[in-house]
Amino acid sequence: MNRFRAVPLISALLAAATASGAAAQSLQRLSIQASGATLFATANDPDFESKTRLGIEGQLRYTFGRFSVGAGYQRVTVFAFQNNPLTLSLSLAFVEPRMVVAAGSGMGVYLAGRIGAGKLICSQANQCAAQETQVSYGGGAGLLFRLNSRLSADVGSQYFQANSSSGYVLARVGLSIGL
């Protein structure tokens, strides 16, 4: 890399790393976030219809400077069967640490990790075998927009694995209210 091109990149990284706060995160230490989510399967399974699915997510977040940690719940439909009303939804509890890597003018860019545990829930319990709890993990990024001193919007995306063979991309839009 040309050293003259590297100077702006290094300057931006240093500014983000030394920022004292996150302009777009809640000013309050505790906040509640609710989101609508869209799930995309990353691999097709010939036995299932792998379509885009909708879901919900909620979390309680604790913010300290550029960092925050959330604990929450996510539920999203992951599989539907052809010619059958049966669906399988992923029901998942998770912990999500975030770090704002750049912020200014009421907007911030964050990186996040996620680890959780959950299982597939059958829409018709008498037609499915009991499912085991699986560990899920992944990471993502997003944008935070401060709307006022207590309200922020979050637009984010993440990739996660629900077990050793299933990978998903989740896109979400949500609102966070500082307590």
Protein backbone atom coordinates (compact mmCIF):
# COMPACT_ATOMS: atom_id res chain seq x y z
CA MET A 1 0.00 0.00 0.00
CA ASN A 2 1.27 3.45 -0.89
CA ARG A 3 2.28 5.21 2.33
CA PHE A 4 0.44 8.39 1.29
CA ARG A 5 -2.79 6.41 0.94
CA ALA A 6 -2.21 4.75 4.30
CA VAL A 7 -2.06 8.06 6.24
CA PRO A 8 -5.83 8.86 5.97
CA LEU A 9 -6.72 5.24 6.80
CA ILE A 10 -4.44 5.15 9.85
CA SER A 11 -5.71 8.57 10.97
CA ALA A 12 -9.35 7.40 10.74
CA LEU A 13 -8.58 4.22 12.68
CA LEU A 14 -6.76 6.16 15.42
CA ALA A 15 -9.60 8.67 15.68
CA ALA A 16 -12.13 5.85 16.04
CA ALA A 17 -9.99 4.01 18.59
CA THR A 18 -9.45 7.08 20.77
CA ALA A 19 -12.99 8.47 20.61
CA SER A 20 -14.23 9.16 24.13
CA GLY A 21 -17.85 8.30 23.51
CA ALA A 22 -20.29 7.04 20.98
CA ALA A 23 -22.36 9.88 19.60
CA ALA A 24 -25.20 7.64 18.45
CA GLN A 25 -25.56 5.30 21.42
CA SER A 26 -28.03 5.97 24.19
CA LEU A 27 -26.92 8.59 26.71
CA GLN A 28 -28.43 6.39 29.40
CA ARG A 29 -26.56 3.34 30.67
CA LEU A 30 -29.60 1.06 30.25
CA SER A 31 -31.79 0.82 27.18
CA ILE A 32 -34.41 -1.47 25.70
CA GLN A 33 -34.30 -2.34 22.01
CA ALA A 34 -37.02 -3.89 19.86
CA SER A 35 -36.41 -4.89 16.23
CA GLY A 36 -38.07 -6.44 13.26
CA ALA A 37 -35.84 -8.91 11.45
CA THR A 38 -35.55 -10.57 8.06
CA LEU A 39 -33.69 -13.88 7.82
CA PHE A 40 -31.94 -15.22 4.73
CA ALA A 41 -30.74 -18.84 4.61
CA THR A 42 -27.21 -19.07 3.22
CA ALA A 43 -27.64 -22.61 1.85
CA ASN A 44 -30.55 -24.35 0.18
CA ASP A 45 -31.84 -27.54 1.72
CA PRO A 46 -33.70 -29.72 -0.80
CA ASP A 47 -36.21 -30.84 1.85
CA PHE A 48 -37.23 -27.31 2.87
CA GLU A 49 -38.31 -24.06 1.26
CA SER A 50 -35.47 -21.67 2.04
CA LYS A 51 -37.25 -18.35 1.56
CA THR A 52 -36.74 -15.03 3.23
CA ARG A 53 -38.44 -15.13 6.63
CA LEU A 54 -39.58 -12.50 9.11
CA GLY A 55 -38.99 -12.41 12.84
CA ILE A 56 -38.66 -10.30 15.97
CA GLU A 57 -35.93 -9.49 18.44
CA GLY A 58 -35.75 -7.69 21.77
CA GLN A 59 -32.87 -6.92 24.07
CA LEU A 60 -31.82 -5.03 27.18
CA ARG A 61 -28.53 -3.17 26.65
CA TYR A 62 -25.96 -1.74 29.08
CA THR A 63 -23.79 1.01 27.55
CA PHE A 64 -20.42 2.24 28.77
CA GLY A 65 -18.62 4.62 26.41
CA ARG A 66 -18.04 3.05 23.00
CA PHE A 67 -19.00 -0.39 24.30
CA SER A 68 -22.35 -1.96 25.12
CA VAL A 69 -23.55 -5.43 26.03
CA GLY A 70 -27.04 -6.68 25.30
CA ALA A 71 -28.97 -9.72 26.45
CA GLY A 72 -32.02 -10.64 24.45
CA TYR A 73 -34.39 -12.97 22.68
CA GLN A 74 -34.88 -13.63 18.96
CA ARG A 75 -37.59 -15.62 17.19
CA VAL A 76 -37.70 -16.07 13.45
CA THR A 77 -39.19 -18.64 11.09
CA VAL A 78 -36.39 -20.59 9.40
CA PHE A 79 -38.15 -23.41 7.54
CA ALA A 80 -41.48 -24.03 5.83
CA PHE A 81 -42.48 -27.25 4.13
CA GLN A 82 -43.99 -27.58 0.68
CA ASN A 83 -47.73 -28.34 0.69
CA ASN A 84 -47.81 -28.36 4.49
CA PRO A 85 -48.70 -25.54 6.96
CA LEU A 86 -45.96 -26.76 9.33
CA THR A 87 -43.15 -24.26 10.03
CA LEU A 88 -40.03 -24.33 12.20
CA SER A 89 -38.95 -21.19 14.04
CA LEU A 90 -35.62 -20.51 15.70
CA SER A 91 -36.18 -19.44 19.32
CA LEU A 92 -32.93 -18.09 20.72
CA ALA A 93 -31.63 -16.29 23.84
CA PHE A 94 -28.37 -14.43 23.26
CA VAL A 95 -25.68 -12.08 24.55
CA GLU A 96 -24.39 -9.42 22.14
CA PRO A 97 -21.36 -7.22 22.86
CA ARG A 98 -20.92 -4.17 20.59
CA MET A 99 -18.21 -1.64 19.98
CA VAL A 100 -18.80 1.65 18.17
CA VAL A 101 -15.82 2.01 15.82
CA ALA A 102 -16.72 5.41 14.36
CA ALA A 103 -19.18 8.06 15.51
CA GLY A 104 -20.14 11.63 14.83
CA SER A 105 -23.10 13.94 14.14
CA GLY A 106 -25.61 11.60 15.79
CA MET A 107 -24.59 8.53 13.80
CA GLY A 108 -22.31 5.63 14.68
CA VAL A 109 -20.92 2.50 13.06
CA TYR A 110 -20.64 -0.59 15.27
CA LEU A 111 -19.25 -4.10 15.17
CA ALA A 112 -20.98 -6.82 17.17
CA GLY A 113 -20.53 -10.42 18.20
CA ARG A 114 -23.27 -12.77 19.34
CA ILE A 115 -23.44 -16.03 21.22
CA GLY A 116 -26.62 -17.73 22.28
CA ALA A 117 -28.54 -20.91 22.87
CA GLY A 118 -31.84 -21.94 21.41
CA LYS A 119 -33.76 -24.51 19.48
CA LEU A 120 -36.18 -25.00 16.65
CA ILE A 121 -39.82 -24.65 17.67
CA CYS A 122 -42.45 -26.50 15.65
CA SER A 123 -45.71 -24.70 14.77
CA GLN A 124 -47.60 -27.97 15.36
CA ALA A 125 -46.05 -29.66 18.38
CA ASN A 126 -47.70 -33.03 17.75
CA GLN A 127 -45.99 -33.29 14.33
CA CYS A 128 -42.38 -32.72 15.40
CA ALA A 129 -39.88 -34.58 17.52
CA ALA A 130 -38.49 -32.68 20.49
CA GLN A 131 -35.52 -30.53 19.50
CA GLU A 132 -32.25 -30.23 21.38
CA THR A 133 -30.90 -26.86 22.47
CA GLN A 134 -28.09 -25.72 20.16
CA VAL A 135 -25.38 -23.11 20.62
CA SER A 136 -25.36 -20.29 18.07
CA TYR A 137 -22.64 -17.78 17.35
CA GLY A 138 -21.85 -15.07 14.85
CA GLY A 139 -21.01 -11.46 14.23
CA GLY A 140 -22.12 -8.43 12.34
CA ALA A 141 -22.17 -4.68 11.95
CA GLY A 142 -24.63 -1.85 11.86
CA LEU A 143 -25.47 1.81 12.02
CA LEU A 144 -26.90 3.67 15.00
CA PHE A 145 -28.81 6.94 14.55
CA ARG A 146 -29.55 9.13 17.58
CA LEU A 147 -33.09 10.48 17.18
CA ASN A 148 -33.13 12.36 20.52
CA SER A 149 -31.50 11.99 23.94
CA ARG A 150 -33.47 8.79 24.72
CA LEU A 151 -34.31 7.30 21.32
CA SER A 152 -31.99 5.71 18.74
CA ALA A 153 -32.59 3.77 15.54
CA ASP A 154 -30.51 0.69 14.71
CA VAL A 155 -30.02 -0.77 11.22
CA GLY A 156 -27.82 -3.85 11.32
CA SER A 157 -26.93 -7.17 9.81
CA GLN A 158 -25.25 -10.28 11.12
CA TYR A 159 -24.17 -13.72 10.05
CA PHE A 160 -24.75 -16.54 12.51
CA GLN A 161 -24.64 -20.32 12.72
CA ALA A 162 -27.44 -22.08 14.61
CA ASN A 163 -25.69 -25.45 14.50
CA SER A 164 -22.78 -26.95 12.61
CA SER A 165 -24.61 -27.03 9.27
CA SER A 166 -26.95 -24.02 9.21
CA GLY A 167 -25.80 -20.49 8.43
CA TYR A 168 -28.07 -17.44 8.25
CA VAL A 169 -27.86 -13.74 7.50
CA LEU A 170 -30.17 -11.61 9.64
CA ALA A 171 -31.02 -8.02 8.71
CA ARG A 172 -32.78 -5.93 11.35
CA VAL A 173 -34.25 -2.50 11.90
CA GLY A 174 -35.06 -1.42 15.43
CA LEU A 175 -35.60 1.30 17.97
CA SER A 176 -33.79 1.67 21.28
CA ILE A 177 -35.20 3.60 24.22
CA GLY A 178 -32.86 4.77 26.98
CA LEU A 179 -34.16 4.20 30.51
